[in-house]
Amino acid sequence: MNATSSGGTGVFVKQRSGAPAGFFGWEAAGLRWLSSVPGGVPCAQVLSVDATSLTLRRLTATAPTSESAFLFGSQLAVTHDAGAAAFGAGPEGWDGPGVFGP
């Protein structure tokens, strides 16, 4: 898998030639689903997706502080409580497997 940044534009592109069918579509659907959780962890915005790539808006890094750790933990708890049936479960309307790997 290759990941590139587009010269200071705040865009991040993930590419994988020979990706399994639905590979990037699944990730895009998952990111959109996670992003829809009010008060949850901020996720990268999906700008475009096709069979061989996923283009995302780059997230801005923050310094690790106790306040940012507390905020992230609070947001993560909200995300985890959002109602997914199980690990690898897809968002509503998604049909197909959700875990790619060995």
N, C-alpha and C. Protein backbone atom coordinates (compact mmCIF):
# COMPACT_ATOMS: atom_id res chain seq x y z
N MET A 1 0.86 -1.16 0.00
CA MET A 1 0.00 0.00 0.00
C MET A 1 0.90 1.22 0.00
N ASN A 2 0.54 2.21 -0.77
CA ASN A 2 1.27 3.48 -0.82
C ASN A 2 0.38 4.58 -0.27
N ALA A 3 0.99 5.51 0.43
CA ALA A 3 0.28 6.68 0.93
C ALA A 3 1.11 7.91 0.60
N THR A 4 0.48 8.89 0.02
CA THR A 4 1.20 10.10 -0.36
C THR A 4 0.42 11.33 0.09
N SER A 5 1.17 12.39 0.31
CA SER A 5 0.57 13.68 0.63
C SER A 5 0.70 14.57 -0.58
N SER A 6 -0.31 15.35 -0.84
CA SER A 6 -0.30 16.22 -2.01
C SER A 6 0.19 17.61 -1.62
N GLY A 7 1.52 17.82 -1.73
CA GLY A 7 2.21 19.07 -1.52
C GLY A 7 1.54 20.16 -0.72
N GLY A 8 1.33 19.96 0.56
CA GLY A 8 0.82 21.01 1.41
C GLY A 8 -0.66 21.32 1.26
N THR A 9 -1.38 20.52 0.50
CA THR A 9 -2.80 20.80 0.29
C THR A 9 -3.68 20.21 1.38
N GLY A 10 -3.09 19.43 2.27
CA GLY A 10 -3.89 18.81 3.31
C GLY A 10 -4.66 17.60 2.83
N VAL A 11 -4.16 16.98 1.75
CA VAL A 11 -4.80 15.79 1.18
C VAL A 11 -3.88 14.59 1.37
N PHE A 12 -4.45 13.44 1.69
CA PHE A 12 -3.71 12.20 1.89
C PHE A 12 -4.34 11.15 0.98
N VAL A 13 -3.53 10.50 0.13
CA VAL A 13 -4.04 9.51 -0.82
C VAL A 13 -3.45 8.15 -0.48
N LYS A 14 -4.33 7.17 -0.25
CA LYS A 14 -3.91 5.79 -0.05
C LYS A 14 -4.16 5.04 -1.35
N GLN A 15 -3.18 4.26 -1.79
CA GLN A 15 -3.31 3.51 -3.04
C GLN A 15 -2.86 2.08 -2.83
N ARG A 16 -3.49 1.18 -3.54
CA ARG A 16 -3.08 -0.22 -3.50
C ARG A 16 -3.49 -0.87 -4.81
N SER A 17 -2.51 -1.15 -5.64
CA SER A 17 -2.83 -1.87 -6.88
C SER A 17 -3.17 -3.30 -6.49
N GLY A 18 -4.14 -3.87 -7.16
CA GLY A 18 -4.56 -5.23 -6.86
C GLY A 18 -5.36 -5.36 -5.58
N ALA A 19 -5.89 -4.26 -5.08
CA ALA A 19 -6.69 -4.31 -3.85
C ALA A 19 -7.91 -5.20 -4.08
N PRO A 20 -8.30 -5.98 -3.05
CA PRO A 20 -9.50 -6.80 -3.19
C PRO A 20 -10.72 -5.93 -3.50
N ALA A 21 -11.69 -6.50 -4.15
CA ALA A 21 -12.92 -5.76 -4.47
C ALA A 21 -13.52 -5.18 -3.20
N GLY A 22 -13.85 -3.91 -3.24
CA GLY A 22 -14.48 -3.25 -2.11
C GLY A 22 -13.54 -2.76 -1.02
N PHE A 23 -12.24 -2.97 -1.19
CA PHE A 23 -11.26 -2.63 -0.15
C PHE A 23 -11.37 -1.18 0.29
N PHE A 24 -11.27 -0.24 -0.66
CA PHE A 24 -11.32 1.17 -0.31
C PHE A 24 -12.75 1.65 -0.07
N GLY A 25 -13.71 1.04 -0.73
CA GLY A 25 -15.11 1.38 -0.48
C GLY A 25 -15.51 1.07 0.95
N TRP A 26 -15.02 -0.06 1.44
CA TRP A 26 -15.31 -0.45 2.82
C TRP A 26 -14.71 0.56 3.80
N GLU A 27 -13.44 0.93 3.58
CA GLU A 27 -12.81 1.90 4.48
C GLU A 27 -13.53 3.24 4.43
N ALA A 28 -13.89 3.69 3.24
CA ALA A 28 -14.61 4.96 3.10
C ALA A 28 -15.95 4.91 3.84
N ALA A 29 -16.68 3.82 3.68
CA ALA A 29 -17.97 3.68 4.36
C ALA A 29 -17.78 3.70 5.88
N GLY A 30 -16.75 3.02 6.35
CA GLY A 30 -16.47 2.99 7.78
C GLY A 30 -16.10 4.36 8.33
N LEU A 31 -15.26 5.09 7.60
CA LEU A 31 -14.87 6.44 8.04
C LEU A 31 -16.07 7.38 8.07
N ARG A 32 -16.92 7.27 7.06
CA ARG A 32 -18.13 8.12 7.04
C ARG A 32 -19.04 7.78 8.21
N TRP A 33 -19.15 6.50 8.49
CA TRP A 33 -19.99 6.04 9.60
C TRP A 33 -19.44 6.56 10.93
N LEU A 34 -18.14 6.36 11.15
CA LEU A 34 -17.52 6.84 12.39
C LEU A 34 -17.65 8.35 12.53
N SER A 35 -17.51 9.06 11.42
CA SER A 35 -17.61 10.52 11.44
C SER A 35 -19.01 11.01 11.78
N SER A 36 -19.99 10.16 11.58
CA SER A 36 -21.38 10.57 11.82
C SER A 36 -21.78 10.51 13.29
N VAL A 37 -20.90 10.00 14.15
CA VAL A 37 -21.22 9.87 15.57
C VAL A 37 -21.08 11.24 16.25
N PRO A 38 -22.18 11.83 16.72
CA PRO A 38 -22.10 13.13 17.39
C PRO A 38 -21.24 13.04 18.65
N GLY A 39 -20.21 13.86 18.75
CA GLY A 39 -19.33 13.87 19.92
C GLY A 39 -18.28 12.78 19.90
N GLY A 40 -18.20 12.02 18.81
CA GLY A 40 -17.21 10.95 18.70
C GLY A 40 -15.85 11.45 18.24
N VAL A 41 -14.94 10.51 18.05
CA VAL A 41 -13.59 10.83 17.60
C VAL A 41 -13.64 11.42 16.19
N PRO A 42 -12.97 12.55 15.96
CA PRO A 42 -12.91 13.09 14.60
C PRO A 42 -12.18 12.12 13.67
N CYS A 43 -12.71 11.94 12.49
CA CYS A 43 -12.11 11.06 11.49
C CYS A 43 -11.77 11.86 10.24
N ALA A 44 -10.86 11.32 9.46
CA ALA A 44 -10.50 11.97 8.20
C ALA A 44 -11.71 12.00 7.28
N GLN A 45 -11.94 13.14 6.65
CA GLN A 45 -13.05 13.31 5.71
C GLN A 45 -12.70 12.62 4.39
N VAL A 46 -13.60 11.78 3.89
CA VAL A 46 -13.42 11.11 2.61
C VAL A 46 -13.71 12.12 1.50
N LEU A 47 -12.71 12.36 0.65
CA LEU A 47 -12.88 13.27 -0.48
C LEU A 47 -13.25 12.52 -1.75
N SER A 48 -12.65 11.34 -1.94
CA SER A 48 -13.01 10.50 -3.09
C SER A 48 -12.53 9.08 -2.84
N VAL A 49 -13.18 8.14 -3.52
CA VAL A 49 -12.82 6.74 -3.39
C VAL A 49 -13.07 6.05 -4.72
N ASP A 50 -12.17 5.13 -5.09
CA ASP A 50 -12.39 4.29 -6.26
C ASP A 50 -11.75 2.92 -5.98
N ALA A 51 -11.65 2.07 -6.99
CA ALA A 51 -11.19 0.70 -6.79
C ALA A 51 -9.73 0.60 -6.34
N THR A 52 -8.91 1.61 -6.64
CA THR A 52 -7.49 1.52 -6.31
C THR A 52 -6.98 2.60 -5.36
N SER A 53 -7.85 3.51 -4.92
CA SER A 53 -7.36 4.56 -4.02
C SER A 53 -8.47 5.16 -3.16
N LEU A 54 -8.01 5.82 -2.11
CA LEU A 54 -8.89 6.53 -1.19
C LEU A 54 -8.22 7.87 -0.90
N THR A 55 -8.91 8.97 -1.16
CA THR A 55 -8.36 10.30 -0.91
C THR A 55 -9.08 10.90 0.29
N LEU A 56 -8.27 11.33 1.27
CA LEU A 56 -8.79 11.84 2.53
C LEU A 56 -8.27 13.24 2.80
N ARG A 57 -9.02 14.02 3.55
CA ARG A 57 -8.53 15.29 4.06
C ARG A 57 -7.60 14.94 5.22
N ARG A 58 -6.40 15.49 5.20
CA ARG A 58 -5.42 15.19 6.24
C ARG A 58 -5.86 15.79 7.57
N LEU A 59 -5.71 15.00 8.64
CA LEU A 59 -6.01 15.48 9.98
C LEU A 59 -4.84 16.33 10.49
N THR A 60 -5.12 17.26 11.36
CA THR A 60 -4.09 18.09 11.96
C THR A 60 -3.64 17.47 13.27
N ALA A 61 -2.34 17.28 13.41
CA ALA A 61 -1.79 16.71 14.64
C ALA A 61 -1.84 17.74 15.76
N THR A 62 -1.99 17.25 16.98
CA THR A 62 -1.93 18.12 18.15
C THR A 62 -0.89 17.58 19.11
N ALA A 63 -0.39 18.43 19.96
CA ALA A 63 0.60 18.01 20.95
C ALA A 63 -0.05 17.09 21.97
N PRO A 64 0.68 16.06 22.42
CA PRO A 64 0.11 15.17 23.44
C PRO A 64 0.13 15.87 24.80
N THR A 65 -1.04 16.15 25.30
CA THR A 65 -1.18 16.76 26.63
C THR A 65 -2.20 15.94 27.41
N SER A 66 -2.24 16.15 28.70
CA SER A 66 -3.24 15.42 29.49
C SER A 66 -4.65 15.84 29.09
N GLU A 67 -4.82 17.10 28.71
CA GLU A 67 -6.13 17.58 28.28
C GLU A 67 -6.55 16.93 26.96
N SER A 68 -5.62 16.85 26.00
CA SER A 68 -5.97 16.23 24.71
C SER A 68 -6.21 14.73 24.88
N ALA A 69 -5.47 14.09 25.78
CA ALA A 69 -5.68 12.66 26.05
C ALA A 69 -7.06 12.44 26.66
N PHE A 70 -7.45 13.29 27.60
CA PHE A 70 -8.77 13.18 28.22
C PHE A 70 -9.87 13.38 27.19
N LEU A 71 -9.71 14.41 26.34
CA LEU A 71 -10.70 14.68 25.30
C LEU A 71 -10.82 13.50 24.34
N PHE A 72 -9.67 12.97 23.88
CA PHE A 72 -9.71 11.83 22.97
C PHE A 72 -10.38 10.63 23.64
N GLY A 73 -10.03 10.35 24.88
CA GLY A 73 -10.64 9.23 25.59
C GLY A 73 -12.15 9.39 25.71
N SER A 74 -12.59 10.60 26.00
CA SER A 74 -14.03 10.87 26.09
C SER A 74 -14.71 10.67 24.75
N GLN A 75 -14.09 11.17 23.68
CA GLN A 75 -14.65 11.00 22.33
C GLN A 75 -14.65 9.53 21.92
N LEU A 76 -13.60 8.81 22.29
CA LEU A 76 -13.52 7.39 21.94
C LEU A 76 -14.61 6.59 22.65
N ALA A 77 -14.90 6.93 23.90
CA ALA A 77 -15.98 6.27 24.62
C ALA A 77 -17.31 6.49 23.92
N VAL A 78 -17.55 7.70 23.44
CA VAL A 78 -18.79 8.00 22.70
C VAL A 78 -18.84 7.17 21.42
N THR A 79 -17.71 7.11 20.70
CA THR A 79 -17.66 6.32 19.46
C THR A 79 -17.95 4.85 19.75
N HIS A 80 -17.32 4.30 20.79
CA HIS A 80 -17.53 2.89 21.12
C HIS A 80 -18.96 2.60 21.55
N ASP A 81 -19.65 3.59 22.05
CA ASP A 81 -21.02 3.41 22.51
C ASP A 81 -22.05 3.68 21.42
N ALA A 82 -21.58 3.88 20.19
CA ALA A 82 -22.47 4.30 19.10
C ALA A 82 -23.32 3.17 18.52
N GLY A 83 -23.03 1.92 18.86
CA GLY A 83 -23.95 0.87 18.49
C GLY A 83 -23.55 -0.10 17.40
N ALA A 84 -22.28 -0.25 17.09
CA ALA A 84 -21.88 -1.28 16.12
C ALA A 84 -22.16 -2.65 16.71
N ALA A 85 -22.63 -3.56 15.88
CA ALA A 85 -22.97 -4.90 16.36
C ALA A 85 -21.75 -5.68 16.84
N ALA A 86 -20.61 -5.49 16.16
CA ALA A 86 -19.40 -6.24 16.49
C ALA A 86 -18.23 -5.66 15.71
N PHE A 87 -17.02 -6.06 16.07
CA PHE A 87 -15.83 -5.65 15.31
C PHE A 87 -15.99 -6.10 13.87
N GLY A 88 -15.73 -5.21 12.93
CA GLY A 88 -15.84 -5.55 11.52
C GLY A 88 -17.24 -5.39 10.95
N ALA A 89 -18.21 -5.04 11.82
CA ALA A 89 -19.57 -4.83 11.33
C ALA A 89 -19.60 -3.59 10.45
N GLY A 90 -20.40 -3.64 9.43
CA GLY A 90 -20.49 -2.51 8.51
C GLY A 90 -21.59 -1.55 8.87
N PRO A 91 -21.52 -0.35 8.31
CA PRO A 91 -22.59 0.62 8.53
C PRO A 91 -23.88 0.17 7.87
N GLU A 92 -24.97 0.76 8.28
CA GLU A 92 -26.27 0.42 7.72
C GLU A 92 -26.24 0.56 6.20
N GLY A 93 -26.76 -0.44 5.52
CA GLY A 93 -26.80 -0.42 4.06
C GLY A 93 -25.59 -1.04 3.40
N TRP A 94 -24.54 -1.33 4.15
CA TRP A 94 -23.35 -1.94 3.56
C TRP A 94 -23.57 -3.44 3.48
N ASP A 95 -23.21 -4.01 2.35
CA ASP A 95 -23.34 -5.45 2.16
C ASP A 95 -21.98 -6.00 1.80
N GLY A 96 -21.51 -6.93 2.57
CA GLY A 96 -20.23 -7.55 2.27
C GLY A 96 -19.37 -7.67 3.51
N PRO A 97 -18.21 -8.34 3.36
CA PRO A 97 -17.32 -8.52 4.49
C PRO A 97 -16.69 -7.19 4.89
N GLY A 98 -16.29 -7.10 6.14
CA GLY A 98 -15.71 -5.86 6.61
C GLY A 98 -14.29 -5.97 7.10
N VAL A 99 -13.73 -7.15 7.13
CA VAL A 99 -12.37 -7.32 7.61
C VAL A 99 -11.54 -7.89 6.49
N PHE A 100 -10.49 -7.18 6.12
CA PHE A 100 -9.55 -7.67 5.12
C PHE A 100 -8.27 -8.04 5.84
N GLY A 101 -7.71 -9.17 5.53
CA GLY A 101 -6.47 -9.57 6.17
C GLY A 101 -6.22 -11.04 5.97
N PRO A 102 -5.15 -11.51 6.61
CA PRO A 102 -4.79 -12.93 6.44
C PRO A 102 -5.80 -13.85 7.09
